Amino acid sequence: MAQTTTASLKANAAASSRIVSRELRIAWGRDGDDWPTDWATQSTDETTRLLDVSIDRRLDMLSALGQGAGPVAQMRLTLVESIQKKAGFCAHVVERLGLRQVQVLAERAEDVGQDPNHRESYDLATARAVAAMPTLVEYLLPLVRIGGLVIMQKGESAQLEALKSEKVIQRLGGKIRVILPVELPGVADERYLVVLEKVARTSAEYPRRTGLPAKQPLE
């Protein structure tokens, strides 16, 4: 009986979240029926299950407007978005859905990486293909604890990018654990999840000051 009640509560909560989410999308000027699917989150969650990794504290870097960061009931989640309008949208959704364990930071990735409240404190840090891999690695690896994971979404050049970035990954305390292909509904292009493991502490000089990781990627 208890299992049935729990399942019903979860189903009702999920339905309510979808309704609220659609209302918010329309209110923010987007068609509620034409919204990006959260395939990246689903793939990331499946990856952590395949690797048998327990996630308590997760950070999602440069979260795309409208793409949620996935199930958060069992973890503490931080969303980092430097663009104020996007961060404001994320914060509004978090407040509306009552997600007390979710924090939204309207800050630059470089600043968050040097903040002692966030540096080397996450089990998992994720990012979509928003920058070259050396730049993403400099953003993400400083935020992950030793033993934690970084998961980056990349296109068909993922394996070549990872190979070229291997020295940078090692310099920042990581190693390539696995590169997994991802099938996207309705998308013919190849997509991959590049999974890194943090094996050593990142030097205090990284990430460098604002703008440098993107303008002058490490080699």
C-alpha atoms as a PDB file:
ATOM      1  CA  MET A   1       0.000   0.000   0.000  1.00  0.00           C
ATOM      2  CA  ALA A   2       2.835   2.369   0.904  1.00  0.00           C
ATOM      3  CA  GLN A   3       4.573   1.701  -2.415  1.00  0.00           C
ATOM      4  CA  THR A   4       1.386   2.515  -4.343  1.00  0.00           C
ATOM      5  CA  THR A   5       0.948   5.753  -2.408  1.00  0.00           C
ATOM      6  CA  THR A   6       4.561   6.786  -3.010  1.00  0.00           C
ATOM      7  CA  ALA A   7       4.276   6.053  -6.728  1.00  0.00           C
ATOM      8  CA  SER A   8       1.057   8.069  -6.933  1.00  0.00           C
ATOM      9  CA  LEU A   9       2.659  11.029  -5.158  1.00  0.00           C
ATOM     10  CA  LYS A  10       5.632  10.941  -7.526  1.00  0.00           C
ATOM     11  CA  ALA A  11       3.338  10.777 -10.552  1.00  0.00           C
ATOM     12  CA  ASN A  12       1.251  13.698  -9.293  1.00  0.00           C
ATOM     13  CA  ALA A  13       4.368  15.747  -8.555  1.00  0.00           C
ATOM     14  CA  ALA A  14       5.766  15.059 -12.015  1.00  0.00           C
ATOM     15  CA  ALA A  15       2.475  16.046 -13.660  1.00  0.00           C
ATOM     16  CA  SER A  16       2.314  19.253 -11.612  1.00  0.00           C
ATOM     17  CA  SER A  17       5.886  20.110 -12.571  1.00  0.00           C
ATOM     18  CA  ARG A  18       5.091  19.662 -16.269  1.00  0.00           C
ATOM     19  CA  ILE A  19       2.053  21.951 -15.972  1.00  0.00           C
ATOM     20  CA  VAL A  20       3.981  24.641 -14.086  1.00  0.00           C
ATOM     21  CA  SER A  21       6.893  24.301 -16.516  1.00  0.00           C
ATOM     22  CA  ARG A  22       4.600  24.839 -19.522  1.00  0.00           C
ATOM     23  CA  GLU A  23       3.027  27.883 -17.869  1.00  0.00           C
ATOM     24  CA  LEU A  24       6.465  29.366 -17.198  1.00  0.00           C
ATOM     25  CA  ARG A  25       7.634  28.782 -20.747  1.00  0.00           C
ATOM     26  CA  ILE A  26       4.629  30.580 -22.168  1.00  0.00           C
ATOM     27  CA  ALA A  27       4.996  33.406 -19.648  1.00  0.00           C
ATOM     28  CA  TRP A  28       8.637  33.855 -20.670  1.00  0.00           C
ATOM     29  CA  GLY A  29       7.707  34.174 -24.320  1.00  0.00           C
ATOM     30  CA  ARG A  30       8.202  30.615 -25.534  1.00  0.00           C
ATOM     31  CA  ASP A  31       5.645  28.218 -26.982  1.00  0.00           C
ATOM     32  CA  GLY A  32       4.876  25.729 -24.237  1.00  0.00           C
ATOM     33  CA  ASP A  33       4.687  22.885 -26.766  1.00  0.00           C
ATOM     34  CA  ASP A  34       7.903  23.799 -28.581  1.00  0.00           C
ATOM     35  CA  TRP A  35      10.575  23.449 -25.930  1.00  0.00           C
ATOM     36  CA  PRO A  36      13.977  21.689 -25.996  1.00  0.00           C
ATOM     37  CA  THR A  37      13.826  18.126 -24.718  1.00  0.00           C
ATOM     38  CA  ASP A  38      16.139  17.278 -21.864  1.00  0.00           C
ATOM     39  CA  TRP A  39      18.054  14.518 -23.642  1.00  0.00           C
ATOM     40  CA  ALA A  40      21.386  15.790 -22.321  1.00  0.00           C
ATOM     41  CA  THR A  41      20.251  15.371 -18.724  1.00  0.00           C
ATOM     42  CA  GLN A  42      18.818  11.925 -19.384  1.00  0.00           C
ATOM     43  CA  SER A  43      22.075  10.813 -21.007  1.00  0.00           C
ATOM     44  CA  THR A  44      24.137  12.205 -18.134  1.00  0.00           C
ATOM     45  CA  ASP A  45      22.002  10.464 -15.523  1.00  0.00           C
ATOM     46  CA  GLU A  46      22.220   7.188 -17.423  1.00  0.00           C
ATOM     47  CA  THR A  47      26.002   7.579 -17.634  1.00  0.00           C
ATOM     48  CA  THR A  48      26.375   7.960 -13.870  1.00  0.00           C
ATOM     49  CA  ARG A  49      24.269   4.834 -13.406  1.00  0.00           C
ATOM     50  CA  LEU A  50      26.409   2.858 -15.871  1.00  0.00           C
ATOM     51  CA  LEU A  51      29.579   3.969 -14.082  1.00  0.00           C
ATOM     52  CA  ASP A  52      28.013   3.127 -10.694  1.00  0.00           C
ATOM     53  CA  VAL A  53      28.636   6.621  -9.319  1.00  0.00           C
ATOM     54  CA  SER A  54      26.655   8.124  -6.441  1.00  0.00           C
ATOM     55  CA  ILE A  55      25.937  11.832  -6.914  1.00  0.00           C
ATOM     56  CA  ASP A  56      25.103  14.016  -3.934  1.00  0.00           C
ATOM     57  CA  ARG A  57      26.228  17.416  -5.191  1.00  0.00           C
ATOM     58  CA  ARG A  58      26.127  18.349  -8.873  1.00  0.00           C
ATOM     59  CA  LEU A  59      26.970  21.503 -10.832  1.00  0.00           C
ATOM     60  CA  ASP A  60      25.618  22.289 -14.289  1.00  0.00           C
ATOM     61  CA  MET A  61      27.766  24.857 -16.090  1.00  0.00           C
ATOM     62  CA  LEU A  62      26.324  27.301 -18.621  1.00  0.00           C
ATOM     63  CA  SER A  63      22.882  25.717 -18.547  1.00  0.00           C
ATOM     64  CA  ALA A  64      20.944  26.435 -21.734  1.00  0.00           C
ATOM     65  CA  LEU A  65      17.752  28.444 -21.349  1.00  0.00           C
ATOM     66  CA  GLY A  66      14.899  26.011 -21.127  1.00  0.00           C
ATOM     67  CA  GLN A  67      16.997  22.894 -20.638  1.00  0.00           C
ATOM     68  CA  GLY A  68      16.475  21.689 -17.108  1.00  0.00           C
ATOM     69  CA  ALA A  69      19.208  20.030 -15.104  1.00  0.00           C
ATOM     70  CA  GLY A  70      17.259  16.848 -14.512  1.00  0.00           C
ATOM     71  CA  PRO A  71      15.922  15.021 -11.459  1.00  0.00           C
ATOM     72  CA  VAL A  72      17.038  16.840  -8.322  1.00  0.00           C
ATOM     73  CA  ALA A  73      15.065  15.156  -5.558  1.00  0.00           C
ATOM     74  CA  GLN A  74      18.090  13.182  -4.329  1.00  0.00           C
ATOM     75  CA  MET A  75      20.897  15.672  -4.890  1.00  0.00           C
ATOM     76  CA  ARG A  76      22.037  19.222  -4.268  1.00  0.00           C
ATOM     77  CA  LEU A  77      22.287  21.054  -7.563  1.00  0.00           C
ATOM     78  CA  THR A  78      24.013  24.272  -8.604  1.00  0.00           C
ATOM     79  CA  LEU A  79      23.251  25.945 -11.931  1.00  0.00           C
ATOM     80  CA  VAL A  80      25.849  28.397 -13.245  1.00  0.00           C
ATOM     81  CA  GLU A  81      24.768  30.924 -15.875  1.00  0.00           C
ATOM     82  CA  SER A  82      26.638  34.179 -16.482  1.00  0.00           C
ATOM     83  CA  ILE A  83      23.865  35.759 -18.596  1.00  0.00           C
ATOM     84  CA  GLN A  84      21.535  37.519 -16.165  1.00  0.00           C
ATOM     85  CA  LYS A  85      18.332  36.935 -18.137  1.00  0.00           C
ATOM     86  CA  LYS A  86      18.921  33.201 -18.379  1.00  0.00           C
ATOM     87  CA  ALA A  87      19.954  32.973 -14.737  1.00  0.00           C
ATOM     88  CA  GLY A  88      16.816  34.906 -13.811  1.00  0.00           C
ATOM     89  CA  PHE A  89      14.662  32.421 -15.700  1.00  0.00           C
ATOM     90  CA  CYS A  90      16.328  29.482 -13.958  1.00  0.00           C
ATOM     91  CA  ALA A  91      15.897  31.142 -10.550  1.00  0.00           C
ATOM     92  CA  HIS A  92      12.219  31.839 -11.303  1.00  0.00           C
ATOM     93  CA  VAL A  93      11.608  28.192 -12.215  1.00  0.00           C
ATOM     94  CA  VAL A  94      13.442  26.991  -9.107  1.00  0.00           C
ATOM     95  CA  GLU A  95      11.344  29.260  -6.882  1.00  0.00           C
ATOM     96  CA  ARG A  96       8.077  28.368  -8.607  1.00  0.00           C
ATOM     97  CA  LEU A  97       8.710  24.630  -8.260  1.00  0.00           C
ATOM     98  CA  GLY A  98       9.907  24.930  -4.680  1.00  0.00           C
ATOM     99  CA  LEU A  99      13.284  23.322  -5.351  1.00  0.00           C
ATOM    100  CA  ARG A 100      15.011  24.218  -2.122  1.00  0.00           C
ATOM    101  CA  GLN A 101      18.106  22.145  -2.870  1.00  0.00           C
ATOM    102  CA  VAL A 102      18.799  23.974  -6.150  1.00  0.00           C
ATOM    103  CA  GLN A 103      21.044  27.060  -6.249  1.00  0.00           C
ATOM    104  CA  VAL A 104      21.372  29.387  -9.242  1.00  0.00           C
ATOM    105  CA  LEU A 105      24.577  31.410  -9.628  1.00  0.00           C
ATOM    106  CA  ALA A 106      24.567  34.362 -12.026  1.00  0.00           C
ATOM    107  CA  GLU A 107      28.356  34.367 -12.193  1.00  0.00           C
ATOM    108  CA  ARG A 108      31.228  33.694 -14.555  1.00  0.00           C
ATOM    109  CA  ALA A 109      32.611  30.173 -14.548  1.00  0.00           C
ATOM    110  CA  GLU A 110      36.090  31.462 -13.720  1.00  0.00           C
ATOM    111  CA  ASP A 111      34.839  33.216 -10.581  1.00  0.00           C
ATOM    112  CA  VAL A 112      32.907  30.175  -9.369  1.00  0.00           C
ATOM    113  CA  GLY A 113      35.981  27.990  -9.876  1.00  0.00           C
ATOM    114  CA  GLN A 114      38.029  30.191  -7.553  1.00  0.00           C
ATOM    115  CA  ASP A 115      35.305  30.472  -4.898  1.00  0.00           C
ATOM    116  CA  PRO A 116      36.217  28.278  -1.873  1.00  0.00           C
ATOM    117  CA  ASN A 117      32.518  27.548  -1.349  1.00  0.00           C
ATOM    118  CA  HIS A 118      32.453  25.730  -4.679  1.00  0.00           C
ATOM    119  CA  ARG A 119      36.005  24.789  -5.597  1.00  0.00           C
ATOM    120  CA  GLU A 120      36.717  21.046  -5.511  1.00  0.00           C
ATOM    121  CA  SER A 121      33.433  20.347  -3.743  1.00  0.00           C
ATOM    122  CA  TYR A 122      31.212  18.678  -6.372  1.00  0.00           C
ATOM    123  CA  ASP A 123      30.711  15.006  -7.182  1.00  0.00           C
ATOM    124  CA  LEU A 124      29.761  15.848 -10.769  1.00  0.00           C
ATOM    125  CA  ALA A 125      30.121  18.862 -13.051  1.00  0.00           C
ATOM    126  CA  THR A 126      28.448  18.924 -16.470  1.00  0.00           C
ATOM    127  CA  ALA A 127      28.443  21.163 -19.518  1.00  0.00           C
ATOM    128  CA  ARG A 128      27.049  21.153 -23.026  1.00  0.00           C
ATOM    129  CA  ALA A 129      29.139  21.852 -26.125  1.00  0.00           C
ATOM    130  CA  VAL A 130      29.437  25.559 -25.419  1.00  0.00           C
ATOM    131  CA  ALA A 131      33.221  25.912 -25.835  1.00  0.00           C
ATOM    132  CA  ALA A 132      36.367  24.127 -26.947  1.00  0.00           C
ATOM    133  CA  MET A 133      37.290  21.212 -24.706  1.00  0.00           C
ATOM    134  CA  PRO A 134      40.383  22.847 -23.104  1.00  0.00           C
ATOM    135  CA  THR A 135      38.172  25.773 -22.084  1.00  0.00           C
ATOM    136  CA  LEU A 136      35.463  23.528 -20.646  1.00  0.00           C
ATOM    137  CA  VAL A 137      38.035  21.479 -18.771  1.00  0.00           C
ATOM    138  CA  GLU A 138      39.484  24.631 -17.192  1.00  0.00           C
ATOM    139  CA  TYR A 139      35.977  25.653 -16.121  1.00  0.00           C
ATOM    140  CA  LEU A 140      34.910  22.278 -14.741  1.00  0.00           C
ATOM    141  CA  LEU A 141      37.793  20.290 -13.274  1.00  0.00           C
ATOM    142  CA  PRO A 142      38.622  22.883 -10.562  1.00  0.00           C
ATOM    143  CA  LEU A 143      35.061  22.452  -9.242  1.00  0.00           C
ATOM    144  CA  VAL A 144      35.135  18.667  -8.837  1.00  0.00           C
ATOM    145  CA  ARG A 145      36.491  16.806  -5.800  1.00  0.00           C
ATOM    146  CA  ILE A 146      39.094  14.072  -6.223  1.00  0.00           C
ATOM    147  CA  GLY A 147      37.181  11.000  -7.357  1.00  0.00           C
ATOM    148  CA  GLY A 148      34.423  13.121  -8.886  1.00  0.00           C
ATOM    149  CA  LEU A 149      33.405  13.263 -12.540  1.00  0.00           C
ATOM    150  CA  VAL A 150      33.196  15.819 -15.331  1.00  0.00           C
ATOM    151  CA  ILE A 151      30.798  15.045 -18.194  1.00  0.00           C
ATOM    152  CA  MET A 152      30.919  17.141 -21.366  1.00  0.00           C
ATOM    153  CA  GLN A 153      28.552  16.845 -24.309  1.00  0.00           C
ATOM    154  CA  LYS A 154      30.374  16.978 -27.646  1.00  0.00           C
ATOM    155  CA  GLY A 155      29.729  16.406 -31.340  1.00  0.00           C
ATOM    156  CA  GLU A 156      31.347  14.094 -33.888  1.00  0.00           C
ATOM    157  CA  SER A 157      34.841  15.471 -33.145  1.00  0.00           C
ATOM    158  CA  ALA A 158      34.640  14.416 -29.480  1.00  0.00           C
ATOM    159  CA  GLN A 159      37.310  11.718 -29.653  1.00  0.00           C
ATOM    160  CA  LEU A 160      39.752  13.906 -31.559  1.00  0.00           C
ATOM    161  CA  GLU A 161      39.133  16.824 -29.162  1.00  0.00           C
ATOM    162  CA  ALA A 162      39.697  14.554 -26.177  1.00  0.00           C
ATOM    163  CA  LEU A 163      42.955  13.251 -27.639  1.00  0.00           C
ATOM    164  CA  LYS A 164      44.235  16.777 -28.319  1.00  0.00           C
ATOM    165  CA  SER A 165      43.149  17.928 -24.835  1.00  0.00           C
ATOM    166  CA  GLU A 166      44.672  15.017 -22.905  1.00  0.00           C
ATOM    167  CA  LYS A 167      47.705  16.997 -21.671  1.00  0.00           C
ATOM    168  CA  VAL A 168      45.478  19.850 -20.485  1.00  0.00           C
ATOM    169  CA  ILE A 169      43.188  17.393 -18.714  1.00  0.00           C
ATOM    170  CA  GLN A 170      46.172  15.853 -16.908  1.00  0.00           C
ATOM    171  CA  ARG A 171      47.578  19.276 -15.986  1.00  0.00           C
ATOM    172  CA  LEU A 172      44.282  20.175 -14.314  1.00  0.00           C
ATOM    173  CA  GLY A 173      44.132  16.926 -12.329  1.00  0.00           C
ATOM    174  CA  GLY A 174      41.913  14.760 -14.514  1.00  0.00           C
ATOM    175  CA  LYS A 175      42.017  11.732 -16.770  1.00  0.00           C
ATOM    176  CA  ILE A 176      39.743  10.500 -19.547  1.00  0.00           C
ATOM    177  CA  ARG A 177      37.573   7.709 -18.188  1.00  0.00           C
ATOM    178  CA  VAL A 178      35.302   6.922 -21.131  1.00  0.00           C
ATOM    179  CA  ILE A 179      33.726   8.457 -24.253  1.00  0.00           C
ATOM    180  CA  LEU A 180      30.154   7.303 -24.792  1.00  0.00           C
ATOM    181  CA  PRO A 181      28.058   7.704 -27.981  1.00  0.00           C
ATOM    182  CA  VAL A 182      24.607   9.229 -27.480  1.00  0.00           C
ATOM    183  CA  GLU A 183      21.619   8.775 -29.783  1.00  0.00           C
ATOM    184  CA  LEU A 184      19.365  11.810 -30.004  1.00  0.00           C
ATOM    185  CA  PRO A 185      15.751  11.521 -31.213  1.00  0.00           C
ATOM    186  CA  GLY A 186      15.401  13.236 -34.597  1.00  0.00           C
ATOM    187  CA  VAL A 187      19.093  14.213 -34.788  1.00  0.00           C
ATOM    188  CA  ALA A 188      21.298  12.526 -37.374  1.00  0.00           C
ATOM    189  CA  ASP A 189      24.574  14.083 -36.227  1.00  0.00           C
ATOM    190  CA  GLU A 190      26.800  12.091 -33.914  1.00  0.00           C
ATOM    191  CA  ARG A 191      26.903  13.112 -30.248  1.00  0.00           C
ATOM    192  CA  TYR A 192      29.114  11.911 -27.415  1.00  0.00           C
ATOM    193  CA  LEU A 193      29.520  12.293 -23.681  1.00  0.00           C
ATOM    194  CA  VAL A 194      33.167  12.724 -22.685  1.00  0.00           C
ATOM    195  CA  VAL A 195      33.615  11.536 -19.094  1.00  0.00           C
ATOM    196  CA  LEU A 196      36.630  12.654 -17.047  1.00  0.00           C
ATOM    197  CA  GLU A 197      37.628  11.535 -13.575  1.00  0.00           C
ATOM    198  CA  LYS A 198      39.368  13.870 -11.126  1.00  0.00           C
ATOM    199  CA  VAL A 199      42.489  12.093  -9.849  1.00  0.00           C
ATOM    200  CA  ALA A 200      44.547  14.969  -8.413  1.00  0.00           C
ATOM    201  CA  ARG A 201      43.983  18.453  -7.038  1.00  0.00           C
ATOM    202  CA  THR A 202      43.902  21.324  -9.508  1.00  0.00           C
ATOM    203  CA  SER A 203      46.600  23.981  -9.139  1.00  0.00           C
ATOM    204  CA  ALA A 204      45.332  27.201  -7.529  1.00  0.00           C
ATOM    205  CA  GLU A 205      46.240  29.162 -10.668  1.00  0.00           C
ATOM    206  CA  TYR A 206      43.303  27.574 -12.520  1.00  0.00           C
ATOM    207  CA  PRO A 207      40.842  28.677 -13.680  1.00  0.00           C
ATOM    208  CA  ARG A 208      42.615  31.793 -14.842  1.00  0.00           C
ATOM    209  CA  ARG A 209      41.038  35.243 -14.701  1.00  0.00           C
ATOM    210  CA  THR A 210      37.799  36.001 -16.512  1.00  0.00           C
ATOM    211  CA  GLY A 211      37.974  35.600 -20.272  1.00  0.00           C
ATOM    212  CA  LEU A 212      41.378  33.915 -20.548  1.00  0.00           C
ATOM    213  CA  PRO A 213      40.190  30.273 -20.719  1.00  0.00           C
ATOM    214  CA  ALA A 214      38.130  31.132 -23.818  1.00  0.00           C
ATOM    215  CA  LYS A 215      40.526  33.631 -25.428  1.00  0.00           C
ATOM    216  CA  GLN A 216      43.721  31.721 -24.726  1.00  0.00           C
ATOM    217  CA  PRO A 217      42.870  28.015 -24.260  1.00  0.00           C
ATOM    218  CA  LEU A 218      45.490  25.893 -22.551  1.00  0.00           C
ATOM    219  CA  GLU A 219      47.605  23.646 -24.754  1.00  0.00           C
END
